[in-house]
Amino acid sequence: MRLGQNNQCESKFSLFQDFVRAKRGFKNIDNLPMYVNSFCVVRNLLKLNGNDIARVICVLLSSITTS
């Protein structure tokens, strides 16, 4: 399935690192590009999994446990 220009799902390891960094820096507005990147990753995962939130959570959990 083609995701478009903002596909950020190159590696499940960088995905986990992006979410950890976003969680740590949520208080700082300078981290806005990181929030946008994380949003794009989740949106692309929803597209890949047919808007099935349970499946997206499983994908995220599997990427967290393997890193």
PDB file of N, CA and C in Angstrom:
ATOM      1  N   MET A   1       0.840  -1.174   0.000  1.00  0.00           N
ATOM      2  CA  MET A   1       0.000   0.000   0.000  1.00  0.00           C
ATOM      3  C   MET A   1       0.888   1.241   0.000  1.00  0.00           C
ATOM      4  N   ARG A   2       0.605   2.155  -0.884  1.00  0.00           N
ATOM      5  CA  ARG A   2       1.376   3.397  -0.970  1.00  0.00           C
ATOM      6  C   ARG A   2       0.917   4.352   0.119  1.00  0.00           C
ATOM      7  N   LEU A   3       1.872   4.936   0.826  1.00  0.00           N
ATOM      8  CA  LEU A   3       1.545   5.801   1.949  1.00  0.00           C
ATOM      9  C   LEU A   3       1.627   7.282   1.623  1.00  0.00           C
ATOM     10  N   GLY A   4       2.319   7.658   0.591  1.00  0.00           N
ATOM     11  CA  GLY A   4       2.441   9.072   0.269  1.00  0.00           C
ATOM     12  C   GLY A   4       3.814   9.610   0.621  1.00  0.00           C
ATOM     13  N   GLN A   5       3.939  10.925   0.613  1.00  0.00           N
ATOM     14  CA  GLN A   5       5.237  11.557   0.777  1.00  0.00           C
ATOM     15  C   GLN A   5       5.725  11.567   2.217  1.00  0.00           C
ATOM     16  N   ASN A   6       4.836  11.456   3.186  1.00  0.00           N
ATOM     17  CA  ASN A   6       5.264  11.600   4.577  1.00  0.00           C
ATOM     18  C   ASN A   6       5.403  10.265   5.291  1.00  0.00           C
ATOM     19  N   ASN A   7       5.843   9.248   4.574  1.00  0.00           N
ATOM     20  CA  ASN A   7       6.044   7.938   5.182  1.00  0.00           C
ATOM     21  C   ASN A   7       7.284   7.970   6.066  1.00  0.00           C
ATOM     22  N   GLN A   8       7.096   7.830   7.368  1.00  0.00           N
ATOM     23  CA  GLN A   8       8.203   7.883   8.319  1.00  0.00           C
ATOM     24  C   GLN A   8       8.481   6.514   8.929  1.00  0.00           C
ATOM     25  N   CYS A   9       7.927   5.453   8.357  1.00  0.00           N
ATOM     26  CA  CYS A   9       8.015   4.123   8.967  1.00  0.00           C
ATOM     27  C   CYS A   9       9.179   3.328   8.382  1.00  0.00           C
ATOM     28  N   GLU A  10      10.363   3.930   8.313  1.00  0.00           N
ATOM     29  CA  GLU A  10      11.483   3.204   7.737  1.00  0.00           C
ATOM     30  C   GLU A  10      11.961   2.084   8.652  1.00  0.00           C
ATOM     31  N   SER A  11      11.968   2.343   9.937  1.00  0.00           N
ATOM     32  CA  SER A  11      12.516   1.375  10.879  1.00  0.00           C
ATOM     33  C   SER A  11      11.712   1.397  12.161  1.00  0.00           C
ATOM     34  N   LYS A  12      11.356   0.218  12.649  1.00  0.00           N
ATOM     35  CA  LYS A  12      10.584   0.183  13.888  1.00  0.00           C
ATOM     36  C   LYS A  12      11.422   0.622  15.083  1.00  0.00           C
ATOM     37  N   PHE A  13      12.746   0.527  14.982  1.00  0.00           N
ATOM     38  CA  PHE A  13      13.597   0.968  16.078  1.00  0.00           C
ATOM     39  C   PHE A  13      13.604   2.489  16.178  1.00  0.00           C
ATOM     40  N   SER A  14      13.694   3.187  15.052  1.00  0.00           N
ATOM     41  CA  SER A  14      13.656   4.645  15.102  1.00  0.00           C
ATOM     42  C   SER A  14      12.269   5.122  15.507  1.00  0.00           C
ATOM     43  N   LEU A  15      11.238   4.360  15.201  1.00  0.00           N
ATOM     44  CA  LEU A  15       9.879   4.709  15.612  1.00  0.00           C
ATOM     45  C   LEU A  15       9.794   4.778  17.132  1.00  0.00           C
ATOM     46  N   PHE A  16      10.316   3.773  17.814  1.00  0.00           N
ATOM     47  CA  PHE A  16      10.290   3.769  19.274  1.00  0.00           C
ATOM     48  C   PHE A  16      11.095   4.935  19.836  1.00  0.00           C
ATOM     49  N   GLN A  17      12.257   5.179  19.267  1.00  0.00           N
ATOM     50  CA  GLN A  17      13.092   6.284  19.740  1.00  0.00           C
ATOM     51  C   GLN A  17      12.391   7.624  19.549  1.00  0.00           C
ATOM     52  N   ASP A  18      11.675   7.792  18.437  1.00  0.00           N
ATOM     53  CA  ASP A  18      10.933   9.034  18.201  1.00  0.00           C
ATOM     54  C   ASP A  18       9.870   9.243  19.262  1.00  0.00           C
ATOM     55  N   PHE A  19       9.147   8.189  19.620  1.00  0.00           N
ATOM     56  CA  PHE A  19       8.104   8.326  20.629  1.00  0.00           C
ATOM     57  C   PHE A  19       8.693   8.614  22.015  1.00  0.00           C
ATOM     58  N   VAL A  20       9.822   8.006  22.339  1.00  0.00           N
ATOM     59  CA  VAL A  20      10.461   8.276  23.629  1.00  0.00           C
ATOM     60  C   VAL A  20      10.913   9.729  23.687  1.00  0.00           C
ATOM     61  N   ARG A  21      11.521  10.213  22.605  1.00  0.00           N
ATOM     62  CA  ARG A  21      11.964  11.608  22.570  1.00  0.00           C
ATOM     63  C   ARG A  21      10.778  12.566  22.641  1.00  0.00           C
ATOM     64  N   ALA A  22       9.694  12.239  21.965  1.00  0.00           N
ATOM     65  CA  ALA A  22       8.511  13.104  21.999  1.00  0.00           C
ATOM     66  C   ALA A  22       7.922  13.160  23.402  1.00  0.00           C
ATOM     67  N   LYS A  23       7.908  12.025  24.089  1.00  0.00           N
ATOM     68  CA  LYS A  23       7.369  12.000  25.450  1.00  0.00           C
ATOM     69  C   LYS A  23       8.214  12.855  26.390  1.00  0.00           C
ATOM     70  N   ARG A  24       9.518  12.766  26.256  1.00  0.00           N
ATOM     71  CA  ARG A  24      10.416  13.549  27.118  1.00  0.00           C
ATOM     72  C   ARG A  24      10.307  15.044  26.849  1.00  0.00           C
ATOM     73  N   GLY A  25      10.126  15.419  25.590  1.00  0.00           N
ATOM     74  CA  GLY A  25      10.165  16.825  25.239  1.00  0.00           C
ATOM     75  C   GLY A  25       8.820  17.473  25.039  1.00  0.00           C
ATOM     76  N   PHE A  26       7.759  16.878  25.532  1.00  0.00           N
ATOM     77  CA  PHE A  26       6.414  17.383  25.268  1.00  0.00           C
ATOM     78  C   PHE A  26       6.187  18.773  25.845  1.00  0.00           C
ATOM     79  N   LYS A  27       6.960  19.162  26.844  1.00  0.00           N
ATOM     80  CA  LYS A  27       6.767  20.458  27.490  1.00  0.00           C
ATOM     81  C   LYS A  27       7.368  21.605  26.684  1.00  0.00           C
ATOM     82  N   ASN A  28       8.139  21.315  25.677  1.00  0.00           N
ATOM     83  CA  ASN A  28       8.867  22.337  24.934  1.00  0.00           C
ATOM     84  C   ASN A  28       8.303  22.465  23.523  1.00  0.00           C
ATOM     85  N   ILE A  29       7.853  23.653  23.150  1.00  0.00           N
ATOM     86  CA  ILE A  29       7.254  23.871  21.830  1.00  0.00           C
ATOM     87  C   ILE A  29       8.296  23.769  20.713  1.00  0.00           C
ATOM     88  N   ASP A  30       9.583  23.866  21.053  1.00  0.00           N
ATOM     89  CA  ASP A  30      10.634  23.728  20.041  1.00  0.00           C
ATOM     90  C   ASP A  30      10.670  22.325  19.446  1.00  0.00           C
ATOM     91  N   ASN A  31      10.043  21.383  20.109  1.00  0.00           N
ATOM     92  CA  ASN A  31      10.024  20.004  19.628  1.00  0.00           C
ATOM     93  C   ASN A  31       8.844  19.720  18.704  1.00  0.00           C
ATOM     94  N   LEU A  32       8.218  20.750  18.184  1.00  0.00           N
ATOM     95  CA  LEU A  32       7.053  20.580  17.314  1.00  0.00           C
ATOM     96  C   LEU A  32       7.327  19.670  16.113  1.00  0.00           C
ATOM     97  N   PRO A  33       8.479  19.776  15.438  1.00  0.00           N
ATOM     98  CA  PRO A  33       8.731  18.846  14.322  1.00  0.00           C
ATOM     99  C   PRO A  33       8.698  17.380  14.747  1.00  0.00           C
ATOM    100  N   MET A  34       9.146  17.090  15.966  1.00  0.00           N
ATOM    101  CA  MET A  34       9.111  15.716  16.464  1.00  0.00           C
ATOM    102  C   MET A  34       7.666  15.249  16.665  1.00  0.00           C
ATOM    103  N   TYR A  35       6.796  16.148  17.166  1.00  0.00           N
ATOM    104  CA  TYR A  35       5.393  15.789  17.346  1.00  0.00           C
ATOM    105  C   TYR A  35       4.732  15.515  16.002  1.00  0.00           C
ATOM    106  N   VAL A  36       5.040  16.346  15.016  1.00  0.00           N
ATOM    107  CA  VAL A  36       4.472  16.162  13.680  1.00  0.00           C
ATOM    108  C   VAL A  36       4.950  14.844  13.097  1.00  0.00           C
ATOM    109  N   ASN A  37       6.224  14.524  13.264  1.00  0.00           N
ATOM    110  CA  ASN A  37       6.773  13.267  12.772  1.00  0.00           C
ATOM    111  C   ASN A  37       6.069  12.079  13.426  1.00  0.00           C
ATOM    112  N   SER A  38       5.874  12.137  14.730  1.00  0.00           N
ATOM    113  CA  SER A  38       5.193  11.046  15.441  1.00  0.00           C
ATOM    114  C   SER A  38       3.757  10.905  14.970  1.00  0.00           C
ATOM    115  N   PHE A  39       3.082  12.031  14.746  1.00  0.00           N
ATOM    116  CA  PHE A  39       1.713  11.988  14.242  1.00  0.00           C
ATOM    117  C   PHE A  39       1.664  11.323  12.873  1.00  0.00           C
ATOM    118  N   CYS A  40       2.629  11.652  12.007  1.00  0.00           N
ATOM    119  CA  CYS A  40       2.667  11.052  10.670  1.00  0.00           C
ATOM    120  C   CYS A  40       2.897   9.548  10.746  1.00  0.00           C
ATOM    121  N   VAL A  41       3.738   9.119  11.678  1.00  0.00           N
ATOM    122  CA  VAL A  41       3.993   7.689  11.842  1.00  0.00           C
ATOM    123  C   VAL A  41       2.714   6.965  12.240  1.00  0.00           C
ATOM    124  N   VAL A  42       1.999   7.505  13.223  1.00  0.00           N
ATOM    125  CA  VAL A  42       0.761   6.865  13.678  1.00  0.00           C
ATOM    126  C   VAL A  42      -0.279   6.882  12.563  1.00  0.00           C
ATOM    127  N   ARG A  43      -0.385   7.991  11.850  1.00  0.00           N
ATOM    128  CA  ARG A  43      -1.349   8.075  10.751  1.00  0.00           C
ATOM    129  C   ARG A  43      -1.039   7.048   9.668  1.00  0.00           C
ATOM    130  N   ASN A  44       0.248   6.877   9.341  1.00  0.00           N
ATOM    131  CA  ASN A  44       0.632   5.890   8.340  1.00  0.00           C
ATOM    132  C   ASN A  44       0.366   4.468   8.826  1.00  0.00           C
ATOM    133  N   LEU A  45       0.586   4.211  10.107  1.00  0.00           N
ATOM    134  CA  LEU A  45       0.262   2.888  10.651  1.00  0.00           C
ATOM    135  C   LEU A  45      -1.237   2.620  10.570  1.00  0.00           C
ATOM    136  N   LEU A  46      -2.046   3.640  10.828  1.00  0.00           N
ATOM    137  CA  LEU A  46      -3.494   3.477  10.700  1.00  0.00           C
ATOM    138  C   LEU A  46      -3.872   3.163   9.258  1.00  0.00           C
ATOM    139  N   LYS A  47      -3.236   3.828   8.296  1.00  0.00           N
ATOM    140  CA  LYS A  47      -3.513   3.553   6.883  1.00  0.00           C
ATOM    141  C   LYS A  47      -3.143   2.117   6.528  1.00  0.00           C
ATOM    142  N   LEU A  48      -1.968   1.690   6.983  1.00  0.00           N
ATOM    143  CA  LEU A  48      -1.504   0.338   6.666  1.00  0.00           C
ATOM    144  C   LEU A  48      -2.395  -0.741   7.266  1.00  0.00           C
ATOM    145  N   ASN A  49      -2.987  -0.459   8.423  1.00  0.00           N
ATOM    146  CA  ASN A  49      -3.779  -1.457   9.135  1.00  0.00           C
ATOM    147  C   ASN A  49      -5.275  -1.216   9.023  1.00  0.00           C
ATOM    148  N   GLY A  50      -5.701  -0.463   8.031  1.00  0.00           N
ATOM    149  CA  GLY A  50      -7.126  -0.274   7.773  1.00  0.00           C
ATOM    150  C   GLY A  50      -7.874   0.400   8.905  1.00  0.00           C
ATOM    151  N   ASN A  51      -7.256   1.385   9.558  1.00  0.00           N
ATOM    152  CA  ASN A  51      -7.866   2.124  10.673  1.00  0.00           C
ATOM    153  C   ASN A  51      -8.254   1.230  11.845  1.00  0.00           C
ATOM    154  N   ASP A  52      -7.589   0.093  11.975  1.00  0.00           N
ATOM    155  CA  ASP A  52      -7.829  -0.815  13.095  1.00  0.00           C
ATOM    156  C   ASP A  52      -6.888  -0.431  14.241  1.00  0.00           C
ATOM    157  N   ILE A  53      -7.433   0.274  15.229  1.00  0.00           N
ATOM    158  CA  ILE A  53      -6.619   0.802  16.320  1.00  0.00           C
ATOM    159  C   ILE A  53      -5.970  -0.321  17.124  1.00  0.00           C
ATOM    160  N   ALA A  54      -6.692  -1.410  17.331  1.00  0.00           N
ATOM    161  CA  ALA A  54      -6.130  -2.538  18.082  1.00  0.00           C
ATOM    162  C   ALA A  54      -4.901  -3.101  17.370  1.00  0.00           C
ATOM    163  N   ARG A  55      -4.965  -3.188  16.057  1.00  0.00           N
ATOM    164  CA  ARG A  55      -3.823  -3.695  15.282  1.00  0.00           C
ATOM    165  C   ARG A  55      -2.632  -2.733  15.364  1.00  0.00           C
ATOM    166  N   VAL A  56      -2.904  -1.430  15.311  1.00  0.00           N
ATOM    167  CA  VAL A  56      -1.832  -0.436  15.415  1.00  0.00           C
ATOM    168  C   VAL A  56      -1.145  -0.541  16.771  1.00  0.00           C
ATOM    169  N   ILE A  57      -1.934  -0.725  17.824  1.00  0.00           N
ATOM    170  CA  ILE A  57      -1.355  -0.874  19.162  1.00  0.00           C
ATOM    171  C   ILE A  57      -0.474  -2.114  19.221  1.00  0.00           C
ATOM    172  N   CYS A  58      -0.910  -3.202  18.599  1.00  0.00           N
ATOM    173  CA  CYS A  58      -0.092  -4.421  18.561  1.00  0.00           C
ATOM    174  C   CYS A  58       1.223  -4.177  17.823  1.00  0.00           C
ATOM    175  N   VAL A  59       1.166  -3.435  16.714  1.00  0.00           N
ATOM    176  CA  VAL A  59       2.384  -3.131  15.956  1.00  0.00           C
ATOM    177  C   VAL A  59       3.330  -2.289  16.797  1.00  0.00           C
ATOM    178  N   LEU A  60       2.792  -1.284  17.476  1.00  0.00           N
ATOM    179  CA  LEU A  60       3.632  -0.434  18.324  1.00  0.00           C
ATOM    180  C   LEU A  60       4.237  -1.229  19.479  1.00  0.00           C
ATOM    181  N   LEU A  61       3.436  -2.088  20.100  1.00  0.00           N
ATOM    182  CA  LEU A  61       3.959  -2.905  21.203  1.00  0.00           C
ATOM    183  C   LEU A  61       5.054  -3.851  20.733  1.00  0.00           C
ATOM    184  N   SER A  62       4.870  -4.435  19.552  1.00  0.00           N
ATOM    185  CA  SER A  62       5.896  -5.346  19.054  1.00  0.00           C
ATOM    186  C   SER A  62       7.182  -4.595  18.731  1.00  0.00           C
ATOM    187  N   SER A  63       7.066  -3.352  18.263  1.00  0.00           N
ATOM    188  CA  SER A  63       8.287  -2.589  17.980  1.00  0.00           C
ATOM    189  C   SER A  63       8.983  -2.171  19.271  1.00  0.00           C
ATOM    190  N   ILE A  64       8.218  -1.925  20.320  1.00  0.00           N
ATOM    191  CA  ILE A  64       8.817  -1.546  21.602  1.00  0.00           C
ATOM    192  C   ILE A  64       9.538  -2.733  22.227  1.00  0.00           C
ATOM    193  N   THR A  65       8.930  -3.909  22.158  1.00  0.00           N
ATOM    194  CA  THR A  65       9.523  -5.073  22.813  1.00  0.00           C
ATOM    195  C   THR A  65      10.740  -5.604  22.070  1.00  0.00           C
ATOM    196  N   THR A  66      10.882  -5.292  20.770  1.00  0.00           N
ATOM    197  CA  THR A  66      12.042  -5.787  20.027  1.00  0.00           C
ATOM    198  C   THR A  66      13.217  -4.836  20.075  1.00  0.00           C
ATOM    199  N   SER A  67      13.016  -3.627  20.601  1.00  0.00           N
ATOM    200  CA  SER A  67      14.136  -2.675  20.617  1.00  0.00           C
ATOM    201  C   SER A  67      14.797  -2.595  21.967  1.00  0.00           C
TER     202      SER A  67
END
